Amino acid sequence: MMPALVTNSKIWGEMFGTSEMHYLFSDEKTTQLYLDVEAALARSQSKLGIIPSEAGQKISDAAKIDIIDWEKLQKRTSIVGYPILPVVEQLSDNVSDGYGQYCHWGATTQDIMDTADVIQIREGFKLLSSDLDSISNALVKIINEHIKTPMAGRTHLQHALPVSFGYKASTWLSSIDRHIKRLEEIKARVFNLSFFGAAGTLASLGEINGLKTQSVLADELNLNVPDVSWHSIRDNFCEVTGWLALVGASLGKIAYDVMLMMQTETQEVAEPFLHGRGSSSTMPQKRNPISSEVMLACSKLLREHHSSMLDAMVLDHERATGQWHVEWYALPNAFIIASSSFSAAKFLLEGLEISPQKMKENIDKTNGLIVAEAVMMALAPHLGRQIAHDIVYDCCRDTIKNNIPFIDTLLKDEKISNIFNRDDLSKIVDPVNYLGAAPAMASRLLINR
């Protein structure tokens, strides 16, 4: 029986981790990666003549997950404290003609586990990149369709000035674009082999054979050869969870905006309709922002996993006394949680329901006050900025107090009506005419990405 944790629960399913990412970090896949690294090591050393030429193929033939006795592996791992020795024991027993004695030649446990982790990270990035590209494409579509759709821009949760919804989406996209670029930069620092031996010096193989094994093994696994051991230098893996946390936070921001825009009093957007999605057990009218809630929760969880990885960077000498173990929990869970966030964001943005009419209604709720700055700036060349500010400020108070259209209040003031007539003011107070450079900046983002 498995504990009902949200990341591996029969109840929650894929809400907190996609099936693909769950499989990538499953016991079966992880153990197969250990076997793959051991097999690649044997093939490399066979090519170099460090072990018999037949040993590499014999070991590779045996390195299949179906040789694993899981109960035995669990018991031995509990005793040893690490899974690699028990895995190597079972692998050695299953290699024909006695060649099992050449398994794990010159390696140490951390070499195998770290290298398997790197391969998992590489595969995890591929899965996440696919969703991230879909998120990016969905945002581009929204920007193109709503680049001039006016809506209320909000600061401190209050109406500020008009913006366009396409512009708002372009600010979301800008961070996603940067995350995509960051990922490409990270790969060069992360996709490195770990093969250094017990204390990181390759002493058991000697300088020549040790460095040759590094080079050939890296080619076998399509990884880079680092200059020096990273057994106890963990900034690379911490950068991975840092990236996951950064993207998660950006998606959390999008989710937060969407949730606020979905409020009953706002209703400017809605998550994609799916029968029963977001239903309440007692209130039939409810359509809760489930995807956004998951994205926001994941952003917080990813931050905590990254915090753990930062702690795990501070370790002792050439091999950690416990900090390394933190990675075994934080790194897989970060990828699983991230996959949930990315998948939810893809679903949300590809099917986001957008209501330009509600956006217009919300702009109009303040009787035109959202463009008070536009009136002030239009008056400023005639009256001076501060005088214009004070006059418009008084008109705003009058509009609020008497609940009348802003334009009517403006026309009552002779200082204003002597300069602008109703037609002039109608153009000035039209939110469509006060989007500033928002559409241009959104277009520039699309052009330059």
Protein backbone atom coordinates (compact mmCIF):
# COMPACT_ATOMS: atom_id res chain seq x y z
CA MET A 1 0.00 0.00 0.00
CA MET A 2 1.27 3.48 -0.93
CA PRO A 3 0.67 6.53 1.29
CA ALA A 4 -1.89 8.99 -0.08
CA LEU A 5 0.58 11.73 -0.96
CA VAL A 6 -0.72 14.01 -3.69
CA THR A 7 2.28 13.22 -5.90
CA ASN A 8 1.62 9.47 -5.99
CA SER A 9 -2.04 9.14 -5.03
CA LYS A 10 -4.74 7.10 -6.72
CA ILE A 11 -7.15 9.86 -5.69
CA TRP A 12 -5.36 12.92 -7.06
CA GLY A 13 -4.15 11.23 -10.24
CA GLU A 14 -2.26 13.66 -12.48
CA MET A 15 -3.30 16.85 -10.69
CA PHE A 16 0.13 16.97 -9.02
CA GLY A 17 2.31 15.32 -11.64
CA THR A 18 1.86 13.97 -15.14
CA SER A 19 2.02 10.24 -15.80
CA GLU A 20 5.08 10.74 -18.04
CA MET A 21 7.01 12.52 -15.31
CA HIS A 22 5.88 10.02 -12.69
CA TYR A 23 7.23 7.21 -14.86
CA LEU A 24 10.53 9.02 -15.48
CA PHE A 25 11.17 9.18 -11.73
CA SER A 26 9.67 5.79 -10.87
CA ASP A 27 11.66 3.05 -9.17
CA GLU A 28 11.62 1.05 -12.38
CA LYS A 29 12.94 3.82 -14.62
CA THR A 30 15.46 5.06 -12.07
CA THR A 31 16.87 1.57 -11.49
CA GLN A 32 17.03 0.95 -15.24
CA LEU A 33 19.05 4.14 -15.57
CA TYR A 34 21.48 2.83 -12.92
CA LEU A 35 21.81 -0.33 -14.98
CA ASP A 36 22.23 1.70 -18.18
CA VAL A 37 25.09 3.69 -16.67
CA GLU A 38 26.76 0.51 -15.39
CA ALA A 39 26.41 -1.07 -18.85
CA ALA A 40 27.80 2.03 -20.58
CA LEU A 41 30.75 2.02 -18.17
CA ALA A 42 31.48 -1.62 -18.96
CA ARG A 43 31.27 -1.03 -22.72
CA SER A 44 33.60 1.97 -22.44
CA GLN A 45 36.20 0.08 -20.45
CA SER A 46 35.96 -2.90 -22.79
CA LYS A 47 36.76 -0.62 -25.73
CA LEU A 48 39.76 0.73 -23.83
CA GLY A 49 41.01 -2.73 -22.82
CA ILE A 50 40.67 -1.91 -19.13
CA ILE A 51 38.38 -4.92 -18.70
CA PRO A 52 38.07 -7.90 -21.09
CA SER A 53 36.59 -7.05 -24.47
CA GLU A 54 33.72 -9.50 -24.00
CA ALA A 55 32.72 -8.04 -20.63
CA GLY A 56 31.06 -4.90 -21.95
CA GLN A 57 28.53 -6.75 -24.09
CA LYS A 58 27.92 -9.46 -21.51
CA ILE A 59 27.17 -6.86 -18.84
CA SER A 60 25.00 -4.83 -21.22
CA ASP A 61 22.99 -7.92 -22.13
CA ALA A 62 22.25 -8.56 -18.46
CA ALA A 63 21.50 -4.93 -17.50
CA LYS A 64 17.71 -5.19 -17.86
CA ILE A 65 15.15 -4.25 -15.25
CA ASP A 66 13.59 -7.72 -15.22
CA ILE A 67 16.64 -9.14 -13.40
CA ILE A 68 15.81 -7.07 -10.32
CA ASP A 69 14.44 -8.80 -7.24
CA TRP A 70 12.66 -5.82 -5.70
CA GLU A 71 12.22 -7.27 -2.23
CA LYS A 72 15.89 -8.16 -2.07
CA LEU A 73 16.87 -4.72 -3.41
CA GLN A 74 14.75 -3.01 -0.77
CA LYS A 75 16.20 -5.04 2.10
CA ARG A 76 19.81 -4.62 0.96
CA THR A 77 19.37 -0.90 0.33
CA SER A 78 17.99 -0.44 3.84
CA ILE A 79 21.12 -2.12 5.21
CA VAL A 80 23.71 -0.53 2.92
CA GLY A 81 22.09 2.90 2.88
CA TYR A 82 22.39 3.30 -0.91
CA PRO A 83 20.89 1.34 -3.82
CA ILE A 84 23.90 0.98 -6.10
CA LEU A 85 25.79 -1.81 -4.34
CA PRO A 86 22.63 -3.97 -4.16
CA VAL A 87 21.91 -3.24 -7.84
CA VAL A 88 25.48 -4.16 -8.81
CA GLU A 89 25.23 -7.36 -6.77
CA GLN A 90 22.16 -8.45 -8.70
CA LEU A 91 23.64 -7.35 -12.02
CA SER A 92 26.88 -9.26 -11.39
CA ASP A 93 24.94 -12.41 -10.52
CA ASN A 94 23.13 -12.26 -13.87
CA VAL A 95 26.10 -11.71 -16.17
CA SER A 96 27.06 -14.88 -17.99
CA ASP A 97 30.44 -16.64 -18.03
CA GLY A 98 31.71 -14.96 -14.86
CA TYR A 99 32.08 -11.52 -16.40
CA GLY A 100 29.94 -10.00 -13.67
CA GLN A 101 33.11 -9.43 -11.65
CA TYR A 102 33.94 -6.56 -14.04
CA CYS A 103 30.83 -4.54 -13.20
CA HIS A 104 31.28 -1.13 -11.57
CA TRP A 105 35.02 -1.12 -12.33
CA GLY A 106 36.65 1.91 -10.70
CA ALA A 107 33.32 3.62 -10.03
CA THR A 108 31.73 4.77 -6.82
CA THR A 109 28.05 4.84 -5.84
CA GLN A 110 27.71 8.57 -6.36
CA ASP A 111 29.12 8.35 -9.89
CA ILE A 112 26.31 6.05 -10.94
CA MET A 113 23.53 7.88 -9.11
CA ASP A 114 24.61 11.36 -10.20
CA THR A 115 25.00 10.33 -13.83
CA ALA A 116 21.59 8.65 -13.79
CA ASP A 117 20.17 11.85 -12.28
CA VAL A 118 21.66 13.90 -15.10
CA ILE A 119 20.02 11.64 -17.68
CA GLN A 120 16.71 11.92 -15.82
CA ILE A 121 17.03 15.69 -15.74
CA ARG A 122 17.72 15.71 -19.47
CA GLU A 123 14.60 13.65 -20.14
CA GLY A 124 12.59 15.74 -17.67
CA PHE A 125 13.62 18.93 -19.45
CA LYS A 126 12.40 17.46 -22.75
CA LEU A 127 8.97 16.78 -21.27
CA LEU A 128 8.73 20.23 -19.70
CA SER A 129 10.06 21.98 -22.81
CA SER A 130 7.22 20.54 -24.85
CA ASP A 131 4.63 22.03 -22.48
CA LEU A 132 6.55 25.29 -22.23
CA ASP A 133 6.51 25.64 -26.02
CA SER A 134 2.75 25.03 -25.99
CA ILE A 135 2.32 27.68 -23.30
CA SER A 136 4.36 30.12 -25.36
CA ASN A 137 2.34 29.41 -28.52
CA ALA A 138 -0.94 29.84 -26.65
CA LEU A 139 0.17 33.22 -25.33
CA VAL A 140 1.26 34.35 -28.81
CA LYS A 141 -2.21 33.53 -30.09
CA ILE A 142 -3.86 35.49 -27.26
CA ILE A 143 -1.61 38.49 -27.90
CA ASN A 144 -2.35 38.54 -31.61
CA GLU A 145 -6.10 38.28 -31.07
CA HIS A 146 -6.34 40.82 -28.23
CA ILE A 147 -3.48 43.22 -28.81
CA LYS A 148 -5.93 46.16 -28.86
CA THR A 149 -8.69 44.76 -26.64
CA PRO A 150 -9.01 47.36 -23.87
CA MET A 151 -9.34 46.36 -20.27
CA ALA A 152 -8.74 47.94 -16.89
CA GLY A 153 -5.14 47.92 -15.83
CA ARG A 154 -4.97 47.52 -12.07
CA THR A 155 -2.47 48.66 -9.48
CA HIS A 156 -2.97 47.87 -5.78
CA LEU A 157 -6.12 46.00 -6.96
CA GLN A 158 -7.66 49.33 -8.07
CA HIS A 159 -8.41 50.57 -11.57
CA ALA A 160 -5.31 52.42 -12.77
CA LEU A 161 -5.22 53.06 -16.53
CA PRO A 162 -6.50 51.17 -19.56
CA VAL A 163 -4.25 48.45 -20.96
CA SER A 164 -4.94 45.87 -23.62
CA PHE A 165 -5.42 42.22 -22.77
CA GLY A 166 -2.90 41.34 -25.46
CA TYR A 167 -0.40 43.60 -23.73
CA LYS A 168 -1.09 41.91 -20.39
CA ALA A 169 -0.51 38.51 -22.02
CA SER A 170 2.70 39.84 -23.58
CA THR A 171 4.10 40.57 -20.12
CA TRP A 172 3.35 36.95 -19.20
CA LEU A 173 5.04 35.74 -22.37
CA SER A 174 8.16 37.84 -21.79
CA SER A 175 9.05 35.78 -18.71
CA ILE A 176 8.30 32.50 -20.47
CA ASP A 177 10.66 33.50 -23.30
CA ARG A 178 13.41 34.23 -20.80
CA HIS A 179 12.88 30.88 -19.09
CA ILE A 180 13.26 29.11 -22.45
CA LYS A 181 16.57 30.92 -23.00
CA ARG A 182 17.71 30.17 -19.46
CA LEU A 183 17.07 26.48 -20.02
CA GLU A 184 19.39 26.37 -23.02
CA GLU A 185 22.11 28.06 -20.97
CA ILE A 186 21.62 25.68 -18.05
CA LYS A 187 22.03 22.55 -20.16
CA ALA A 188 25.73 23.21 -20.79
CA ARG A 189 26.32 23.38 -17.04
CA VAL A 190 24.17 20.41 -16.07
CA PHE A 191 24.55 17.73 -18.74
CA ASN A 192 27.86 16.54 -17.33
CA LEU A 193 29.12 13.07 -16.56
CA SER A 194 29.89 12.06 -13.00
CA PHE A 195 32.76 9.57 -12.93
CA PHE A 196 35.46 10.34 -10.39
CA GLY A 197 35.85 7.37 -8.06
CA ALA A 198 35.75 7.15 -4.29
CA ALA A 199 37.24 10.54 -3.36
CA GLY A 200 36.90 12.20 -6.74
CA THR A 201 40.48 11.47 -7.87
CA LEU A 202 40.02 8.34 -10.08
CA ALA A 203 42.88 6.80 -8.12
CA SER A 204 41.66 3.20 -8.58
CA LEU A 205 42.06 3.47 -12.35
CA GLY A 206 45.04 5.75 -12.43
CA GLU A 207 45.33 9.03 -14.28
CA ILE A 208 45.48 7.71 -17.86
CA ASN A 209 42.81 5.01 -17.68
CA GLY A 210 40.65 7.13 -15.43
CA LEU A 211 40.54 10.11 -17.79
CA LYS A 212 40.15 7.86 -20.84
CA THR A 213 37.20 6.13 -19.19
CA GLN A 214 35.63 9.52 -18.48
CA SER A 215 35.90 10.54 -22.12
CA VAL A 216 34.58 7.34 -23.67
CA LEU A 217 31.80 6.96 -21.09
CA ALA A 218 30.67 10.54 -21.71
CA ASP A 219 30.45 9.76 -25.44
CA GLU A 220 28.44 6.60 -24.71
CA LEU A 221 25.90 8.61 -22.72
CA ASN A 222 26.05 11.79 -24.86
CA LEU A 223 27.19 13.87 -21.89
CA ASN A 224 29.97 16.40 -21.37
CA VAL A 225 33.17 15.75 -19.41
CA PRO A 226 33.56 18.26 -16.56
CA ASP A 227 37.03 19.54 -15.69
CA VAL A 228 36.90 18.35 -12.10
CA SER A 229 34.75 16.33 -9.71
CA TRP A 230 31.39 17.74 -8.65
CA HIS A 231 30.65 15.09 -6.00
CA SER A 232 30.41 17.75 -3.31
CA ILE A 233 29.81 20.82 -5.50
CA ARG A 234 26.07 20.89 -6.20
CA ASP A 235 25.32 24.25 -7.80
CA ASN A 236 24.43 22.47 -11.04
CA PHE A 237 21.51 20.52 -9.58
CA CYS A 238 20.49 23.51 -7.50
CA GLU A 239 20.33 25.56 -10.70
CA VAL A 240 17.91 22.97 -12.08
CA THR A 241 15.46 23.36 -9.21
CA GLY A 242 16.03 27.10 -9.33
CA TRP A 243 14.85 27.10 -12.92
CA LEU A 244 11.85 24.95 -12.04
CA ALA A 245 10.98 27.33 -9.21
CA LEU A 246 11.38 30.39 -11.45
CA VAL A 247 9.09 29.01 -14.15
CA GLY A 248 6.66 27.82 -11.50
CA ALA A 249 6.53 31.31 -10.01
CA SER A 250 5.88 32.88 -13.42
CA LEU A 251 3.05 30.41 -14.00
CA GLY A 252 1.81 31.14 -10.49
CA LYS A 253 1.62 34.85 -11.38
CA ILE A 254 -0.42 34.05 -14.49
CA ALA A 255 -2.68 31.84 -12.38
CA TYR A 256 -3.14 34.58 -9.80
CA ASP A 257 -4.14 37.10 -12.49
CA VAL A 258 -6.57 34.63 -14.04
CA MET A 259 -8.18 33.82 -10.69
CA LEU A 260 -8.72 37.49 -9.95
CA MET A 261 -10.13 38.07 -13.45
CA MET A 262 -12.48 35.09 -12.95
CA GLN A 263 -14.12 36.54 -9.85
CA THR A 264 -17.90 36.82 -10.09
CA GLU A 265 -17.63 40.61 -9.86
CA THR A 266 -15.11 40.69 -12.73
CA GLN A 267 -15.65 37.73 -15.11
CA GLU A 268 -13.20 38.97 -17.73
CA VAL A 269 -11.81 35.51 -18.39
CA ALA A 270 -12.71 31.94 -17.49
CA GLU A 271 -10.83 28.68 -17.43
CA PRO A 272 -11.71 26.24 -20.24
CA PHE A 273 -15.08 24.61 -19.72
CA LEU A 274 -15.03 20.92 -18.89
CA HIS A 275 -18.19 19.34 -17.57
CA GLY A 276 -17.94 19.14 -13.79
CA ARG A 277 -14.59 20.96 -13.68
CA GLY A 278 -14.43 23.21 -10.62
CA SER A 279 -17.81 22.10 -9.33
CA SER A 280 -18.88 22.57 -5.73
CA SER A 281 -20.42 19.79 -3.64
CA THR A 282 -23.17 22.16 -2.48
CA MET A 283 -23.31 25.13 -4.88
CA PRO A 284 -24.32 24.13 -8.43
CA GLN A 285 -23.49 27.56 -9.85
CA LYS A 286 -19.79 27.36 -8.97
CA ARG A 287 -17.02 27.15 -11.56
CA ASN A 288 -13.88 27.31 -9.50
CA PRO A 289 -10.47 28.13 -11.06
CA ILE A 290 -8.99 24.67 -10.51
CA SER A 291 -6.08 24.84 -12.96
CA SER A 292 -5.04 28.23 -11.62
CA GLU A 293 -5.26 26.97 -8.05
CA VAL A 294 -3.00 24.02 -8.91
CA MET A 295 -0.50 26.33 -10.63
CA LEU A 296 -0.42 28.67 -7.65
CA ALA A 297 0.02 25.79 -5.19
CA CYS A 298 2.80 24.29 -7.33
CA SER A 299 4.65 27.61 -7.41
CA LYS A 300 4.83 27.53 -3.62
CA LEU A 301 5.88 23.88 -3.47
CA LEU A 302 8.61 24.40 -6.06
CA ARG A 303 10.01 27.27 -4.04
CA GLU A 304 10.25 24.99 -1.00
CA HIS A 305 11.95 22.20 -2.97
CA HIS A 306 14.49 24.70 -4.28
CA SER A 307 15.07 25.96 -0.75
CA SER A 308 15.91 22.39 0.26
CA MET A 309 18.37 22.12 -2.63
CA LEU A 310 20.07 25.33 -1.52
CA ASP A 311 20.55 23.78 1.91
CA ALA A 312 21.92 20.63 0.29
CA MET A 313 24.66 22.66 -1.41
CA VAL A 314 26.35 23.32 1.91
CA LEU A 315 28.13 20.03 2.57
CA ASP A 316 31.36 18.73 4.00
CA HIS A 317 34.64 17.89 2.31
CA GLU A 318 34.65 15.39 -0.60
CA ARG A 319 31.39 13.52 0.15
CA ALA A 320 28.31 14.71 1.97
CA THR A 321 27.13 13.32 5.30
CA GLY A 322 23.40 13.57 4.73
CA GLN A 323 22.95 16.65 2.56
CA TRP A 324 23.14 14.54 -0.60
CA HIS A 325 20.15 12.56 0.64
CA VAL A 326 18.04 15.75 0.53
CA GLU A 327 18.43 15.75 -3.25
CA TRP A 328 16.90 12.28 -3.52
CA TYR A 329 13.64 13.74 -2.20
CA ALA A 330 13.70 17.29 -3.54
CA LEU A 331 14.85 16.79 -7.13
CA PRO A 332 12.32 14.14 -8.27
CA ASN A 333 9.47 15.86 -6.46
CA ALA A 334 10.38 19.21 -8.01
CA PHE A 335 10.14 17.71 -11.51
CA ILE A 336 6.88 15.95 -10.72
CA ILE A 337 5.30 19.09 -9.24
CA ALA A 338 6.64 21.20 -12.13
CA SER A 339 5.07 18.83 -14.65
CA SER A 340 1.72 19.43 -12.97
CA SER A 341 2.12 23.20 -13.14
CA PHE A 342 3.26 23.20 -16.77
CA SER A 343 0.45 20.85 -17.82
CA ALA A 344 -2.18 22.92 -16.00
CA ALA A 345 -0.87 26.12 -17.61
CA LYS A 346 -0.99 24.54 -21.06
CA PHE A 347 -4.61 23.46 -20.53
CA LEU A 348 -5.55 26.85 -19.10
CA LEU A 349 -4.01 29.07 -21.76
CA GLU A 350 -4.88 26.97 -24.79
CA GLY A 351 -8.57 27.10 -23.86
CA LEU A 352 -8.84 30.38 -21.94
CA GLU A 353 -12.26 31.98 -22.44
CA ILE A 354 -11.89 35.74 -22.87
CA SER A 355 -14.70 38.28 -22.60
CA PRO A 356 -13.94 41.67 -24.23
CA GLN A 357 -17.50 42.74 -23.34
CA LYS A 358 -16.93 42.18 -19.63
CA MET A 359 -13.61 44.00 -19.91
CA LYS A 360 -15.44 46.99 -21.40
CA GLU A 361 -18.16 46.84 -18.73
CA ASN A 362 -15.55 46.83 -15.99
CA ILE A 363 -13.72 49.80 -17.50
CA ASP A 364 -17.04 51.68 -17.53
CA LYS A 365 -17.87 50.87 -13.90
CA THR A 366 -16.16 54.04 -12.69
CA ASN A 367 -18.11 56.28 -15.11
CA GLY A 368 -14.97 57.08 -17.07
CA LEU A 369 -12.60 57.84 -14.18
CA ILE A 370 -10.04 55.32 -15.45
CA VAL A 371 -8.95 57.91 -18.03
CA ALA A 372 -8.65 60.82 -15.60
CA GLU A 373 -4.91 60.95 -16.31
CA ALA A 374 -5.65 61.34 -20.02
CA VAL A 375 -7.78 64.42 -19.32
CA MET A 376 -5.14 65.87 -17.01
CA MET A 377 -2.40 65.40 -19.61
CA ALA A 378 -4.59 66.93 -22.33
CA LEU A 379 -5.27 70.00 -20.15
CA ALA A 380 -1.71 70.39 -18.91
CA PRO A 381 -0.35 72.22 -22.01
CA HIS A 382 -3.16 74.76 -21.62
CA LEU A 383 -3.26 75.24 -17.84
CA GLY A 384 -0.08 73.76 -16.44
CA ARG A 385 0.21 70.26 -15.05
CA GLN A 386 -0.47 70.95 -11.38
CA ILE A 387 -3.49 73.17 -12.05
CA ALA A 388 -4.84 70.58 -14.49
CA HIS A 389 -4.31 67.87 -11.87
CA ASP A 390 -6.24 69.80 -9.21
CA ILE A 391 -9.15 70.59 -11.53
CA VAL A 392 -9.47 66.99 -12.72
CA TYR A 393 -9.11 65.75 -9.13
CA ASP A 394 -12.13 67.84 -8.11
CA CYS A 395 -14.10 66.52 -11.08
CA CYS A 396 -13.27 62.96 -10.04
CA ARG A 397 -14.62 63.60 -6.55
CA ASP A 398 -17.79 65.09 -8.02
CA THR A 399 -18.29 62.08 -10.30
CA ILE A 400 -17.90 59.67 -7.39
CA LYS A 401 -20.10 61.68 -5.03
CA ASN A 402 -22.97 62.20 -7.47
CA ASN A 403 -22.53 58.99 -9.51
CA ILE A 404 -22.61 60.80 -12.85
CA PRO A 405 -20.52 60.30 -15.99
CA PHE A 406 -17.05 61.76 -15.78
CA ILE A 407 -17.46 63.60 -19.07
CA ASP A 408 -20.52 65.47 -17.73
CA THR A 409 -18.59 66.57 -14.66
CA LEU A 410 -15.75 67.78 -16.85
CA LEU A 411 -18.06 69.82 -19.08
CA LYS A 412 -19.56 71.54 -16.04
CA ASP A 413 -16.18 73.13 -15.31
CA GLU A 414 -15.73 76.22 -17.46
CA LYS A 415 -11.95 76.00 -17.34
CA ILE A 416 -12.30 72.70 -19.19
CA SER A 417 -15.32 73.46 -21.42
CA ASN A 418 -13.59 76.62 -22.68
CA ILE A 419 -10.83 74.40 -24.05
CA PHE A 420 -12.60 71.18 -25.08
CA ASN A 421 -16.12 70.51 -26.32
CA ARG A 422 -17.99 67.23 -25.83
CA ASP A 423 -16.63 65.66 -29.02
CA ASP A 424 -13.08 66.51 -27.98
CA LEU A 425 -13.58 65.07 -24.53
CA SER A 426 -15.31 61.96 -25.88
CA LYS A 427 -12.14 61.10 -27.76
CA ILE A 428 -9.94 61.90 -24.78
CA VAL A 429 -11.92 59.72 -22.37
CA ASP A 430 -12.27 56.76 -24.74
CA PRO A 431 -10.07 54.00 -23.21
CA VAL A 432 -9.20 52.73 -26.68
CA ASN A 433 -7.40 56.02 -27.29
CA TYR A 434 -5.36 55.78 -24.09
CA LEU A 435 -3.57 52.48 -24.45
CA GLY A 436 -0.28 54.29 -24.89
CA ALA A 437 2.46 52.10 -26.31
CA ALA A 438 0.92 48.89 -24.97
CA PRO A 439 0.02 47.44 -28.40
CA ALA A 440 3.35 48.57 -29.85
CA MET A 441 5.33 46.96 -27.04
CA ALA A 442 3.36 43.73 -27.37
CA SER A 443 4.10 43.74 -31.11
CA ARG A 444 7.76 44.44 -30.46
CA LEU A 445 7.96 41.44 -28.16
CA LEU A 446 6.51 39.17 -30.85
CA ILE A 447 8.88 40.54 -33.48
CA ASN A 448 12.04 40.28 -31.36
CA ARG A 449 11.50 36.89 -29.75
